Amino acid sequence: MGCFWSAPSEDDVVVPTVKPQKQNQQPAKTHDAKHGPSPIYDKLPPSAEKHPVRNVYDGDTLTLIDERRVRFLGIDTPEIKEKQAFAQEAKKYTKDLCHKKDIWLTFEPGHDREDHYGRLLAFVWVPVNGKYLNVNEGIVKEGLASVYTPNKASKLHNMKKLLELQKEARRAKRGLWGDFKDFKVLKTANGAAYHVRGCKHLAKSKNLIEINATSAMDEGLHPCRTCLADA
Protein backbone atom coordinates (compact mmCIF):
# COMPACT_ATOMS: atom_id res chain seq x y z
CA MET A 1 0.00 0.00 0.00
CA GLY A 2 1.32 3.44 -0.89
CA CYS A 3 1.10 6.65 1.09
CA PHE A 4 1.24 10.12 -0.37
CA TRP A 5 2.28 13.20 1.56
CA SER A 6 3.46 16.73 1.04
CA ALA A 7 5.33 19.20 3.21
CA PRO A 8 2.88 21.47 5.08
CA SER A 9 1.94 24.68 3.27
CA GLU A 10 0.49 27.92 4.59
CA ASP A 11 -2.98 26.71 3.53
CA ASP A 12 -2.64 23.52 5.53
CA VAL A 13 -1.84 25.14 8.86
CA VAL A 14 -3.90 27.59 10.88
CA VAL A 15 -1.54 29.70 12.99
CA PRO A 16 -3.22 31.65 15.83
CA THR A 17 -1.78 34.80 17.38
CA VAL A 18 0.54 33.87 20.22
CA LYS A 19 2.00 35.72 23.15
CA PRO A 20 5.75 36.50 23.14
CA GLN A 21 7.86 33.70 24.62
CA LYS A 22 10.42 34.00 27.34
CA GLN A 23 13.87 33.01 26.19
CA ASN A 24 13.98 29.79 28.21
CA GLN A 25 10.60 28.49 27.03
CA GLN A 26 9.69 26.20 24.16
CA PRO A 27 8.69 27.98 20.90
CA ALA A 28 5.09 29.04 20.48
CA LYS A 29 2.96 26.07 19.50
CA THR A 30 0.18 26.13 16.93
CA HIS A 31 -3.09 24.24 16.83
CA ASP A 32 -5.58 23.73 14.04
CA ALA A 33 -9.04 23.20 15.49
CA LYS A 34 -10.05 21.24 12.37
CA HIS A 35 -6.99 19.02 12.00
CA GLY A 36 -5.73 18.77 15.58
CA PRO A 37 -2.32 19.75 16.96
CA SER A 38 0.20 21.08 14.46
CA PRO A 39 3.92 20.31 14.23
CA ILE A 40 4.52 23.83 12.87
CA TYR A 41 6.01 26.45 15.22
CA ASP A 42 6.48 30.19 14.85
CA LYS A 43 10.11 30.13 15.98
CA LEU A 44 12.98 27.79 16.65
CA PRO A 45 13.85 26.99 20.27
CA PRO A 46 16.67 29.30 21.45
CA SER A 47 19.03 26.33 21.85
CA ALA A 48 18.65 25.09 18.25
CA GLU A 49 21.91 24.21 16.45
CA LYS A 50 22.22 24.51 12.67
CA HIS A 51 23.79 21.60 10.75
CA PRO A 52 24.02 20.59 7.07
CA VAL A 53 22.83 17.08 6.19
CA ARG A 54 24.83 14.64 4.08
CA ASN A 55 22.15 12.03 3.57
CA VAL A 56 19.01 10.45 5.01
CA TYR A 57 19.21 6.78 5.96
CA ASP A 58 15.55 6.13 6.81
CA GLY A 59 12.54 7.86 8.31
CA ASP A 60 14.11 8.46 11.72
CA THR A 61 17.87 8.51 11.01
CA LEU A 62 20.11 10.82 9.02
CA THR A 63 23.81 11.66 8.72
CA LEU A 64 25.28 15.14 9.05
CA ILE A 65 28.01 16.50 6.78
CA ASP A 66 30.52 15.90 9.61
CA GLU A 67 29.56 12.18 9.53
CA ARG A 68 27.71 12.19 12.84
CA ARG A 69 24.49 10.23 12.71
CA VAL A 70 21.25 11.61 14.17
CA ARG A 71 18.47 9.43 15.60
CA PHE A 72 15.15 11.26 15.91
CA LEU A 73 13.91 11.43 19.50
CA GLY A 74 10.54 10.07 20.54
CA ILE A 75 9.63 8.18 17.38
CA ASP A 76 10.18 4.94 15.51
CA THR A 77 9.67 4.41 11.78
CA PRO A 78 9.35 1.15 9.81
CA GLU A 79 12.61 -0.64 9.06
CA ILE A 80 13.90 -0.61 5.48
CA LYS A 81 16.12 -3.70 5.89
CA GLU A 82 13.13 -5.73 7.07
CA LYS A 83 11.05 -4.30 4.20
CA GLN A 84 8.35 -3.24 6.61
CA ALA A 85 5.26 -1.50 5.27
CA PHE A 86 5.65 2.26 4.80
CA ALA A 87 9.41 2.19 5.38
CA GLN A 88 10.07 3.79 1.99
CA GLU A 89 7.31 6.36 2.47
CA ALA A 90 8.76 7.33 5.86
CA LYS A 91 12.22 7.70 4.32
CA LYS A 92 10.80 9.85 1.51
CA TYR A 93 9.10 12.15 4.02
CA THR A 94 12.36 12.80 5.87
CA LYS A 95 14.52 12.86 2.74
CA ASP A 96 12.36 15.45 0.99
CA LEU A 97 12.65 17.72 4.02
CA CYS A 98 16.27 17.13 5.08
CA HIS A 99 18.49 15.55 2.41
CA LYS A 100 21.40 17.84 1.40
CA LYS A 101 19.78 20.70 3.32
CA ASP A 102 20.39 22.68 6.50
CA ILE A 103 18.48 21.50 9.54
CA TRP A 104 18.36 22.55 13.19
CA LEU A 105 18.78 20.18 16.11
CA THR A 106 17.57 20.48 19.68
CA PHE A 107 18.17 18.08 22.54
CA GLU A 108 16.01 17.03 25.47
CA PRO A 109 17.15 18.73 28.69
CA GLY A 110 18.35 16.26 31.30
CA HIS A 111 18.70 13.42 28.77
CA ASP A 112 21.77 11.95 27.11
CA ARG A 113 22.70 13.61 23.82
CA GLU A 114 23.93 10.31 22.38
CA ASP A 115 22.77 6.70 22.49
CA HIS A 116 25.00 3.66 22.98
CA TYR A 117 25.71 3.61 19.23
CA GLY A 118 27.10 7.14 19.40
CA ARG A 119 24.16 8.64 17.49
CA LEU A 120 22.90 12.08 18.42
CA LEU A 121 19.42 11.92 19.96
CA ALA A 122 17.60 15.02 18.79
CA PHE A 123 14.55 16.82 17.56
CA VAL A 124 14.97 17.89 13.95
CA TRP A 125 13.64 21.20 12.64
CA VAL A 126 13.31 22.53 9.09
CA PRO A 127 11.99 25.85 7.71
CA VAL A 128 8.52 25.80 6.13
CA ASN A 129 7.04 29.01 4.70
CA GLY A 130 8.63 31.31 7.26
CA LYS A 131 7.93 29.02 10.19
CA TYR A 132 9.55 25.80 11.47
CA LEU A 133 8.44 22.20 11.27
CA ASN A 134 9.37 19.77 14.02
CA VAL A 135 10.04 16.77 11.78
CA ASN A 136 9.72 14.29 14.66
CA GLU A 137 6.17 15.49 15.25
CA GLY A 138 5.37 15.95 11.57
CA ILE A 139 6.12 12.38 10.56
CA VAL A 140 3.93 11.09 13.41
CA LYS A 141 1.09 13.33 12.21
CA GLU A 142 1.46 11.88 8.70
CA GLY A 143 1.03 8.35 10.10
CA LEU A 144 4.52 7.29 9.04
CA ALA A 145 6.01 6.88 12.53
CA SER A 146 4.85 5.69 15.93
CA VAL A 147 5.71 7.24 19.27
CA TYR A 148 8.61 5.49 20.96
CA THR A 149 10.63 5.89 24.15
CA PRO A 150 12.82 3.02 25.41
CA ASN A 151 11.58 3.26 28.99
CA LYS A 152 9.24 5.28 31.17
CA ALA A 153 12.13 7.35 32.50
CA SER A 154 12.75 8.62 28.96
CA LYS A 155 9.52 10.64 28.72
CA LEU A 156 9.99 13.81 26.68
CA HIS A 157 8.73 17.36 27.17
CA ASN A 158 6.40 17.00 24.15
CA MET A 159 5.29 13.42 24.89
CA LYS A 160 1.66 14.46 25.34
CA LYS A 161 1.65 16.22 21.98
CA LEU A 162 3.33 13.30 20.20
CA LEU A 163 0.64 10.98 21.57
CA GLU A 164 -2.10 13.39 20.46
CA LEU A 165 -0.60 13.50 16.95
CA GLN A 166 -0.42 9.69 16.85
CA LYS A 167 -4.00 9.35 18.01
CA GLU A 168 -5.18 11.85 15.40
CA ALA A 169 -3.28 10.02 12.62
CA ARG A 170 -4.78 6.72 13.77
CA ARG A 171 -8.31 8.12 13.74
CA ALA A 172 -7.73 9.51 10.24
CA LYS A 173 -6.27 6.15 9.14
CA ARG A 174 -3.15 7.75 7.68
CA GLY A 175 -0.18 5.67 6.58
CA LEU A 176 0.59 2.91 9.08
CA TRP A 177 -2.90 3.17 10.52
CA GLY A 178 -4.81 2.60 7.27
CA ASP A 179 -5.64 -1.04 8.01
CA PHE A 180 -5.18 -0.98 11.78
CA LYS A 181 -7.67 -2.91 13.88
CA ASP A 182 -7.59 -2.79 17.65
CA PHE A 183 -6.68 -5.91 19.59
CA LYS A 184 -6.03 -7.09 23.13
CA VAL A 185 -2.51 -6.80 24.55
CA LEU A 186 -0.77 -7.29 27.87
CA LYS A 187 1.26 -4.83 29.90
CA THR A 188 3.15 -4.97 33.17
CA ALA A 189 2.86 -2.44 35.97
CA ASN A 190 6.11 -0.65 35.19
CA GLY A 191 7.06 -1.69 31.66
CA ALA A 192 7.33 0.66 28.68
CA ALA A 193 6.09 -1.88 26.10
CA TYR A 194 2.93 -3.84 25.48
CA HIS A 195 2.91 -7.49 24.40
CA VAL A 196 0.80 -10.31 23.08
CA ARG A 197 0.17 -13.35 25.23
CA GLY A 198 3.03 -15.84 25.09
CA CYS A 199 5.79 -13.26 24.61
CA LYS A 200 9.05 -14.53 26.10
CA HIS A 201 9.57 -11.22 27.89
CA LEU A 202 6.51 -11.95 30.02
CA ALA A 203 7.70 -15.39 31.16
CA LYS A 204 8.62 -14.19 34.65
CA SER A 205 6.07 -11.39 34.93
CA LYS A 206 3.16 -11.52 37.32
CA ASN A 207 -0.01 -9.48 37.61
CA LEU A 208 -0.27 -8.83 33.89
CA ILE A 209 -2.87 -6.30 32.80
CA GLU A 210 -4.95 -6.84 29.65
CA ILE A 211 -5.98 -3.72 27.71
CA ASN A 212 -6.64 -2.66 24.12
CA ALA A 213 -3.61 -1.80 22.00
CA THR A 214 -5.00 1.70 21.42
CA SER A 215 -5.21 2.30 25.16
CA ALA A 216 -1.62 1.11 25.57
CA MET A 217 -0.47 3.50 22.83
CA ASP A 218 -2.35 6.40 24.37
CA GLU A 219 -0.52 5.71 27.65
CA GLY A 220 2.79 6.10 25.82
CA LEU A 221 3.63 2.40 25.64
CA HIS A 222 5.24 1.02 22.49
CA PRO A 223 4.85 -2.42 20.87
CA CYS A 224 7.31 -5.06 22.01
CA ARG A 225 10.10 -5.38 19.46
CA THR A 226 10.02 -9.16 19.82
CA CYS A 227 6.42 -10.33 19.82
CA LEU A 228 5.04 -7.36 17.86
CA ALA A 229 7.98 -6.62 15.58
CA ASP A 230 5.77 -6.68 12.49
CA ALA A 231 2.67 -5.14 14.05
C-alpha atoms as a PDB file:
ATOM      1  CA  MET A   1       0.000   0.000   0.000  1.00  0.00           C
ATOM      2  CA  GLY A   2       1.322   3.442  -0.891  1.00  0.00           C
ATOM      3  CA  CYS A   3       1.097   6.654   1.086  1.00  0.00           C
ATOM      4  CA  PHE A   4       1.239  10.122  -0.374  1.00  0.00           C
ATOM      5  CA  TRP A   5       2.280  13.197   1.557  1.00  0.00           C
ATOM      6  CA  SER A   6       3.458  16.729   1.040  1.00  0.00           C
ATOM      7  CA  ALA A   7       5.327  19.200   3.212  1.00  0.00           C
ATOM      8  CA  PRO A   8       2.876  21.471   5.080  1.00  0.00           C
ATOM      9  CA  SER A   9       1.940  24.682   3.274  1.00  0.00           C
ATOM     10  CA  GLU A  10       0.487  27.922   4.593  1.00  0.00           C
ATOM     11  CA  ASP A  11      -2.977  26.713   3.532  1.00  0.00           C
ATOM     12  CA  ASP A  12      -2.639  23.516   5.535  1.00  0.00           C
ATOM     13  CA  VAL A  13      -1.836  25.140   8.861  1.00  0.00           C
ATOM     14  CA  VAL A  14      -3.901  27.594  10.876  1.00  0.00           C
ATOM     15  CA  VAL A  15      -1.538  29.701  12.995  1.00  0.00           C
ATOM     16  CA  PRO A  16      -3.220  31.649  15.832  1.00  0.00           C
ATOM     17  CA  THR A  17      -1.784  34.797  17.376  1.00  0.00           C
ATOM     18  CA  VAL A  18       0.542  33.872  20.219  1.00  0.00           C
ATOM     19  CA  LYS A  19       2.000  35.723  23.146  1.00  0.00           C
ATOM     20  CA  PRO A  20       5.751  36.502  23.140  1.00  0.00           C
ATOM     21  CA  GLN A  21       7.857  33.702  24.620  1.00  0.00           C
ATOM     22  CA  LYS A  22      10.416  33.997  27.337  1.00  0.00           C
ATOM     23  CA  GLN A  23      13.875  33.009  26.188  1.00  0.00           C
ATOM     24  CA  ASN A  24      13.977  29.785  28.209  1.00  0.00           C
ATOM     25  CA  GLN A  25      10.596  28.490  27.026  1.00  0.00           C
ATOM     26  CA  GLN A  26       9.686  26.196  24.158  1.00  0.00           C
ATOM     27  CA  PRO A  27       8.694  27.976  20.900  1.00  0.00           C
ATOM     28  CA  ALA A  28       5.087  29.036  20.480  1.00  0.00           C
ATOM     29  CA  LYS A  29       2.963  26.067  19.499  1.00  0.00           C
ATOM     30  CA  THR A  30       0.177  26.131  16.926  1.00  0.00           C
ATOM     31  CA  HIS A  31      -3.087  24.236  16.835  1.00  0.00           C
ATOM     32  CA  ASP A  32      -5.583  23.726  14.035  1.00  0.00           C
ATOM     33  CA  ALA A  33      -9.044  23.203  15.486  1.00  0.00           C
ATOM     34  CA  LYS A  34     -10.052  21.244  12.372  1.00  0.00           C
ATOM     35  CA  HIS A  35      -6.994  19.022  11.995  1.00  0.00           C
ATOM     36  CA  GLY A  36      -5.732  18.766  15.578  1.00  0.00           C
ATOM     37  CA  PRO A  37      -2.321  19.750  16.961  1.00  0.00           C
ATOM     38  CA  SER A  38       0.202  21.084  14.465  1.00  0.00           C
ATOM     39  CA  PRO A  39       3.924  20.310  14.225  1.00  0.00           C
ATOM     40  CA  ILE A  40       4.523  23.828  12.868  1.00  0.00           C
ATOM     41  CA  TYR A  41       6.015  26.453  15.225  1.00  0.00           C
ATOM     42  CA  ASP A  42       6.483  30.187  14.850  1.00  0.00           C
ATOM     43  CA  LYS A  43      10.108  30.134  15.979  1.00  0.00           C
ATOM     44  CA  LEU A  44      12.976  27.790  16.650  1.00  0.00           C
ATOM     45  CA  PRO A  45      13.847  26.990  20.266  1.00  0.00           C
ATOM     46  CA  PRO A  46      16.673  29.300  21.450  1.00  0.00           C
ATOM     47  CA  SER A  47      19.032  26.331  21.849  1.00  0.00           C
ATOM     48  CA  ALA A  48      18.650  25.095  18.247  1.00  0.00           C
ATOM     49  CA  GLU A  49      21.906  24.209  16.453  1.00  0.00           C
ATOM     50  CA  LYS A  50      22.221  24.512  12.674  1.00  0.00           C
ATOM     51  CA  HIS A  51      23.793  21.602  10.753  1.00  0.00           C
ATOM     52  CA  PRO A  52      24.024  20.588   7.073  1.00  0.00           C
ATOM     53  CA  VAL A  53      22.835  17.081   6.187  1.00  0.00           C
ATOM     54  CA  ARG A  54      24.829  14.644   4.076  1.00  0.00           C
ATOM     55  CA  ASN A  55      22.146  12.025   3.572  1.00  0.00           C
ATOM     56  CA  VAL A  56      19.005  10.452   5.012  1.00  0.00           C
ATOM     57  CA  TYR A  57      19.206   6.779   5.963  1.00  0.00           C
ATOM     58  CA  ASP A  58      15.550   6.134   6.813  1.00  0.00           C
ATOM     59  CA  GLY A  59      12.540   7.863   8.310  1.00  0.00           C
ATOM     60  CA  ASP A  60      14.115   8.462  11.718  1.00  0.00           C
ATOM     61  CA  THR A  61      17.866   8.507  11.014  1.00  0.00           C
ATOM     62  CA  LEU A  62      20.115  10.820   9.017  1.00  0.00           C
ATOM     63  CA  THR A  63      23.812  11.657   8.717  1.00  0.00           C
ATOM     64  CA  LEU A  64      25.277  15.145   9.055  1.00  0.00           C
ATOM     65  CA  ILE A  65      28.008  16.499   6.781  1.00  0.00           C
ATOM     66  CA  ASP A  66      30.519  15.897   9.609  1.00  0.00           C
ATOM     67  CA  GLU A  67      29.560  12.176   9.527  1.00  0.00           C
ATOM     68  CA  ARG A  68      27.712  12.187  12.844  1.00  0.00           C
ATOM     69  CA  ARG A  69      24.487  10.229  12.707  1.00  0.00           C
ATOM     70  CA  VAL A  70      21.247  11.606  14.167  1.00  0.00           C
ATOM     71  CA  ARG A  71      18.473   9.430  15.596  1.00  0.00           C
ATOM     72  CA  PHE A  72      15.151  11.261  15.914  1.00  0.00           C
ATOM     73  CA  LEU A  73      13.908  11.432  19.504  1.00  0.00           C
ATOM     74  CA  GLY A  74      10.535  10.067  20.545  1.00  0.00           C
ATOM     75  CA  ILE A  75       9.626   8.180  17.379  1.00  0.00           C
ATOM     76  CA  ASP A  76      10.175   4.939  15.509  1.00  0.00           C
ATOM     77  CA  THR A  77       9.666   4.408  11.778  1.00  0.00           C
ATOM     78  CA  PRO A  78       9.347   1.147   9.814  1.00  0.00           C
ATOM     79  CA  GLU A  79      12.614  -0.637   9.063  1.00  0.00           C
ATOM     80  CA  ILE A  80      13.900  -0.610   5.484  1.00  0.00           C
ATOM     81  CA  LYS A  81      16.117  -3.701   5.888  1.00  0.00           C
ATOM     82  CA  GLU A  82      13.135  -5.731   7.073  1.00  0.00           C
ATOM     83  CA  LYS A  83      11.053  -4.299   4.198  1.00  0.00           C
ATOM     84  CA  GLN A  84       8.348  -3.243   6.609  1.00  0.00           C
ATOM     85  CA  ALA A  85       5.262  -1.502   5.273  1.00  0.00           C
ATOM     86  CA  PHE A  86       5.648   2.260   4.800  1.00  0.00           C
ATOM     87  CA  ALA A  87       9.415   2.185   5.376  1.00  0.00           C
ATOM     88  CA  GLN A  88      10.070   3.785   1.993  1.00  0.00           C
ATOM     89  CA  GLU A  89       7.305   6.364   2.467  1.00  0.00           C
ATOM     90  CA  ALA A  90       8.756   7.333   5.857  1.00  0.00           C
ATOM     91  CA  LYS A  91      12.217   7.697   4.315  1.00  0.00           C
ATOM     92  CA  LYS A  92      10.804   9.850   1.513  1.00  0.00           C
ATOM     93  CA  TYR A  93       9.100  12.147   4.015  1.00  0.00           C
ATOM     94  CA  THR A  94      12.357  12.803   5.869  1.00  0.00           C
ATOM     95  CA  LYS A  95      14.518  12.858   2.738  1.00  0.00           C
ATOM     96  CA  ASP A  96      12.364  15.454   0.991  1.00  0.00           C
ATOM     97  CA  LEU A  97      12.655  17.719   4.020  1.00  0.00           C
ATOM     98  CA  CYS A  98      16.269  17.129   5.080  1.00  0.00           C
ATOM     99  CA  HIS A  99      18.487  15.549   2.413  1.00  0.00           C
ATOM    100  CA  LYS A 100      21.403  17.835   1.400  1.00  0.00           C
ATOM    101  CA  LYS A 101      19.784  20.703   3.321  1.00  0.00           C
ATOM    102  CA  ASP A 102      20.386  22.682   6.496  1.00  0.00           C
ATOM    103  CA  ILE A 103      18.483  21.497   9.543  1.00  0.00           C
ATOM    104  CA  TRP A 104      18.361  22.555  13.186  1.00  0.00           C
ATOM    105  CA  LEU A 105      18.780  20.179  16.108  1.00  0.00           C
ATOM    106  CA  THR A 106      17.567  20.485  19.683  1.00  0.00           C
ATOM    107  CA  PHE A 107      18.166  18.083  22.545  1.00  0.00           C
ATOM    108  CA  GLU A 108      16.013  17.029  25.466  1.00  0.00           C
ATOM    109  CA  PRO A 109      17.147  18.727  28.690  1.00  0.00           C
ATOM    110  CA  GLY A 110      18.346  16.258  31.297  1.00  0.00           C
ATOM    111  CA  HIS A 111      18.702  13.419  28.769  1.00  0.00           C
ATOM    112  CA  ASP A 112      21.774  11.950  27.107  1.00  0.00           C
ATOM    113  CA  ARG A 113      22.696  13.613  23.823  1.00  0.00           C
ATOM    114  CA  GLU A 114      23.926  10.308  22.382  1.00  0.00           C
ATOM    115  CA  ASP A 115      22.770   6.696  22.486  1.00  0.00           C
ATOM    116  CA  HIS A 116      24.998   3.656  22.981  1.00  0.00           C
ATOM    117  CA  TYR A 117      25.707   3.609  19.231  1.00  0.00           C
ATOM    118  CA  GLY A 118      27.097   7.141  19.396  1.00  0.00           C
ATOM    119  CA  ARG A 119      24.163   8.635  17.491  1.00  0.00           C
ATOM    120  CA  LEU A 120      22.900  12.083  18.423  1.00  0.00           C
ATOM    121  CA  LEU A 121      19.418  11.925  19.956  1.00  0.00           C
ATOM    122  CA  ALA A 122      17.601  15.017  18.789  1.00  0.00           C
ATOM    123  CA  PHE A 123      14.545  16.822  17.560  1.00  0.00           C
ATOM    124  CA  VAL A 124      14.968  17.890  13.947  1.00  0.00           C
ATOM    125  CA  TRP A 125      13.643  21.203  12.645  1.00  0.00           C
ATOM    126  CA  VAL A 126      13.307  22.530   9.089  1.00  0.00           C
ATOM    127  CA  PRO A 127      11.992  25.845   7.713  1.00  0.00           C
ATOM    128  CA  VAL A 128       8.521  25.801   6.128  1.00  0.00           C
ATOM    129  CA  ASN A 129       7.040  29.010   4.696  1.00  0.00           C
ATOM    130  CA  GLY A 130       8.630  31.306   7.256  1.00  0.00           C
ATOM    131  CA  LYS A 131       7.928  29.016  10.194  1.00  0.00           C
ATOM    132  CA  TYR A 132       9.550  25.796  11.465  1.00  0.00           C
ATOM    133  CA  LEU A 133       8.440  22.197  11.269  1.00  0.00           C
ATOM    134  CA  ASN A 134       9.370  19.768  14.024  1.00  0.00           C
ATOM    135  CA  VAL A 135      10.042  16.767  11.778  1.00  0.00           C
ATOM    136  CA  ASN A 136       9.717  14.287  14.664  1.00  0.00           C
ATOM    137  CA  GLU A 137       6.174  15.488  15.253  1.00  0.00           C
ATOM    138  CA  GLY A 138       5.372  15.954  11.571  1.00  0.00           C
ATOM    139  CA  ILE A 139       6.125  12.378  10.564  1.00  0.00           C
ATOM    140  CA  VAL A 140       3.926  11.092  13.405  1.00  0.00           C
ATOM    141  CA  LYS A 141       1.093  13.332  12.206  1.00  0.00           C
ATOM    142  CA  GLU A 142       1.456  11.878   8.702  1.00  0.00           C
ATOM    143  CA  GLY A 143       1.034   8.353  10.099  1.00  0.00           C
ATOM    144  CA  LEU A 144       4.521   7.290   9.038  1.00  0.00           C
ATOM    145  CA  ALA A 145       6.006   6.885  12.532  1.00  0.00           C
ATOM    146  CA  SER A 146       4.853   5.693  15.929  1.00  0.00           C
ATOM    147  CA  VAL A 147       5.706   7.244  19.266  1.00  0.00           C
ATOM    148  CA  TYR A 148       8.605   5.489  20.964  1.00  0.00           C
ATOM    149  CA  THR A 149      10.625   5.889  24.147  1.00  0.00           C
ATOM    150  CA  PRO A 150      12.815   3.018  25.408  1.00  0.00           C
ATOM    151  CA  ASN A 151      11.580   3.263  28.986  1.00  0.00           C
ATOM    152  CA  LYS A 152       9.244   5.279  31.170  1.00  0.00           C
ATOM    153  CA  ALA A 153      12.127   7.347  32.502  1.00  0.00           C
ATOM    154  CA  SER A 154      12.749   8.618  28.961  1.00  0.00           C
ATOM    155  CA  LYS A 155       9.522  10.636  28.716  1.00  0.00           C
ATOM    156  CA  LEU A 156       9.989  13.806  26.676  1.00  0.00           C
ATOM    157  CA  HIS A 157       8.726  17.358  27.174  1.00  0.00           C
ATOM    158  CA  ASN A 158       6.400  16.996  24.154  1.00  0.00           C
ATOM    159  CA  MET A 159       5.288  13.420  24.889  1.00  0.00           C
ATOM    160  CA  LYS A 160       1.664  14.456  25.338  1.00  0.00           C
ATOM    161  CA  LYS A 161       1.647  16.217  21.983  1.00  0.00           C
ATOM    162  CA  LEU A 162       3.327  13.298  20.197  1.00  0.00           C
ATOM    163  CA  LEU A 163       0.642  10.977  21.569  1.00  0.00           C
ATOM    164  CA  GLU A 164      -2.096  13.391  20.455  1.00  0.00           C
ATOM    165  CA  LEU A 165      -0.596  13.500  16.948  1.00  0.00           C
ATOM    166  CA  GLN A 166      -0.416   9.693  16.855  1.00  0.00           C
ATOM    167  CA  LYS A 167      -4.002   9.353  18.011  1.00  0.00           C
ATOM    168  CA  GLU A 168      -5.178  11.851  15.401  1.00  0.00           C
ATOM    169  CA  ALA A 169      -3.279  10.023  12.617  1.00  0.00           C
ATOM    170  CA  ARG A 170      -4.779   6.721  13.772  1.00  0.00           C
ATOM    171  CA  ARG A 171      -8.314   8.117  13.736  1.00  0.00           C
ATOM    172  CA  ALA A 172      -7.726   9.512  10.242  1.00  0.00           C
ATOM    173  CA  LYS A 173      -6.265   6.152   9.136  1.00  0.00           C
ATOM    174  CA  ARG A 174      -3.150   7.754   7.677  1.00  0.00           C
ATOM    175  CA  GLY A 175      -0.177   5.668   6.579  1.00  0.00           C
ATOM    176  CA  LEU A 176       0.586   2.907   9.078  1.00  0.00           C
ATOM    177  CA  TRP A 177      -2.898   3.169  10.519  1.00  0.00           C
ATOM    178  CA  GLY A 178      -4.806   2.601   7.267  1.00  0.00           C
ATOM    179  CA  ASP A 179      -5.644  -1.045   8.010  1.00  0.00           C
ATOM    180  CA  PHE A 180      -5.185  -0.980  11.777  1.00  0.00           C
ATOM    181  CA  LYS A 181      -7.671  -2.911  13.877  1.00  0.00           C
ATOM    182  CA  ASP A 182      -7.589  -2.786  17.651  1.00  0.00           C
ATOM    183  CA  PHE A 183      -6.677  -5.912  19.591  1.00  0.00           C
ATOM    184  CA  LYS A 184      -6.029  -7.086  23.128  1.00  0.00           C
ATOM    185  CA  VAL A 185      -2.513  -6.800  24.547  1.00  0.00           C
ATOM    186  CA  LEU A 186      -0.771  -7.286  27.872  1.00  0.00           C
ATOM    187  CA  LYS A 187       1.259  -4.825  29.896  1.00  0.00           C
ATOM    188  CA  THR A 188       3.152  -4.966  33.165  1.00  0.00           C
ATOM    189  CA  ALA A 189       2.860  -2.437  35.970  1.00  0.00           C
ATOM    190  CA  ASN A 190       6.113  -0.652  35.188  1.00  0.00           C
ATOM    191  CA  GLY A 191       7.063  -1.690  31.660  1.00  0.00           C
ATOM    192  CA  ALA A 192       7.334   0.659  28.682  1.00  0.00           C
ATOM    193  CA  ALA A 193       6.093  -1.878  26.103  1.00  0.00           C
ATOM    194  CA  TYR A 194       2.930  -3.842  25.482  1.00  0.00           C
ATOM    195  CA  HIS A 195       2.912  -7.491  24.404  1.00  0.00           C
ATOM    196  CA  VAL A 196       0.802 -10.314  23.079  1.00  0.00           C
ATOM    197  CA  ARG A 197       0.170 -13.353  25.227  1.00  0.00           C
ATOM    198  CA  GLY A 198       3.027 -15.839  25.085  1.00  0.00           C
ATOM    199  CA  CYS A 199       5.789 -13.256  24.610  1.00  0.00           C
ATOM    200  CA  LYS A 200       9.047 -14.530  26.100  1.00  0.00           C
ATOM    201  CA  HIS A 201       9.572 -11.225  27.895  1.00  0.00           C
ATOM    202  CA  LEU A 202       6.515 -11.949  30.023  1.00  0.00           C
ATOM    203  CA  ALA A 203       7.700 -15.388  31.159  1.00  0.00           C
ATOM    204  CA  LYS A 204       8.622 -14.192  34.652  1.00  0.00           C
ATOM    205  CA  SER A 205       6.074 -11.390  34.933  1.00  0.00           C
ATOM    206  CA  LYS A 206       3.161 -11.519  37.316  1.00  0.00           C
ATOM    207  CA  ASN A 207      -0.013  -9.481  37.608  1.00  0.00           C
ATOM    208  CA  LEU A 208      -0.274  -8.831  33.886  1.00  0.00           C
ATOM    209  CA  ILE A 209      -2.872  -6.298  32.801  1.00  0.00           C
ATOM    210  CA  GLU A 210      -4.953  -6.838  29.646  1.00  0.00           C
ATOM    211  CA  ILE A 211      -5.976  -3.718  27.709  1.00  0.00           C
ATOM    212  CA  ASN A 212      -6.644  -2.661  24.125  1.00  0.00           C
ATOM    213  CA  ALA A 213      -3.608  -1.801  22.001  1.00  0.00           C
ATOM    214  CA  THR A 214      -4.999   1.699  21.418  1.00  0.00           C
ATOM    215  CA  SER A 215      -5.212   2.296  25.163  1.00  0.00           C
ATOM    216  CA  ALA A 216      -1.615   1.114  25.568  1.00  0.00           C
ATOM    217  CA  MET A 217      -0.466   3.502  22.830  1.00  0.00           C
ATOM    218  CA  ASP A 218      -2.346   6.403  24.369  1.00  0.00           C
ATOM    219  CA  GLU A 219      -0.516   5.710  27.649  1.00  0.00           C
ATOM    220  CA  GLY A 220       2.791   6.099  25.823  1.00  0.00           C
ATOM    221  CA  LEU A 221       3.632   2.397  25.641  1.00  0.00           C
ATOM    222  CA  HIS A 222       5.243   1.017  22.495  1.00  0.00           C
ATOM    223  CA  PRO A 223       4.847  -2.424  20.871  1.00  0.00           C
ATOM    224  CA  CYS A 224       7.310  -5.059  22.010  1.00  0.00           C
ATOM    225  CA  ARG A 225      10.097  -5.380  19.457  1.00  0.00           C
ATOM    226  CA  THR A 226      10.025  -9.158  19.818  1.00  0.00           C
ATOM    227  CA  CYS A 227       6.416 -10.327  19.822  1.00  0.00           C
ATOM    228  CA  LEU A 228       5.042  -7.358  17.860  1.00  0.00           C
ATOM    229  CA  ALA A 229       7.977  -6.625  15.584  1.00  0.00           C
ATOM    230  CA  ASP A 230       5.767  -6.680  12.490  1.00  0.00           C
ATOM    231  CA  ALA A 231       2.667  -5.142  14.048  1.00  0.00           C
END
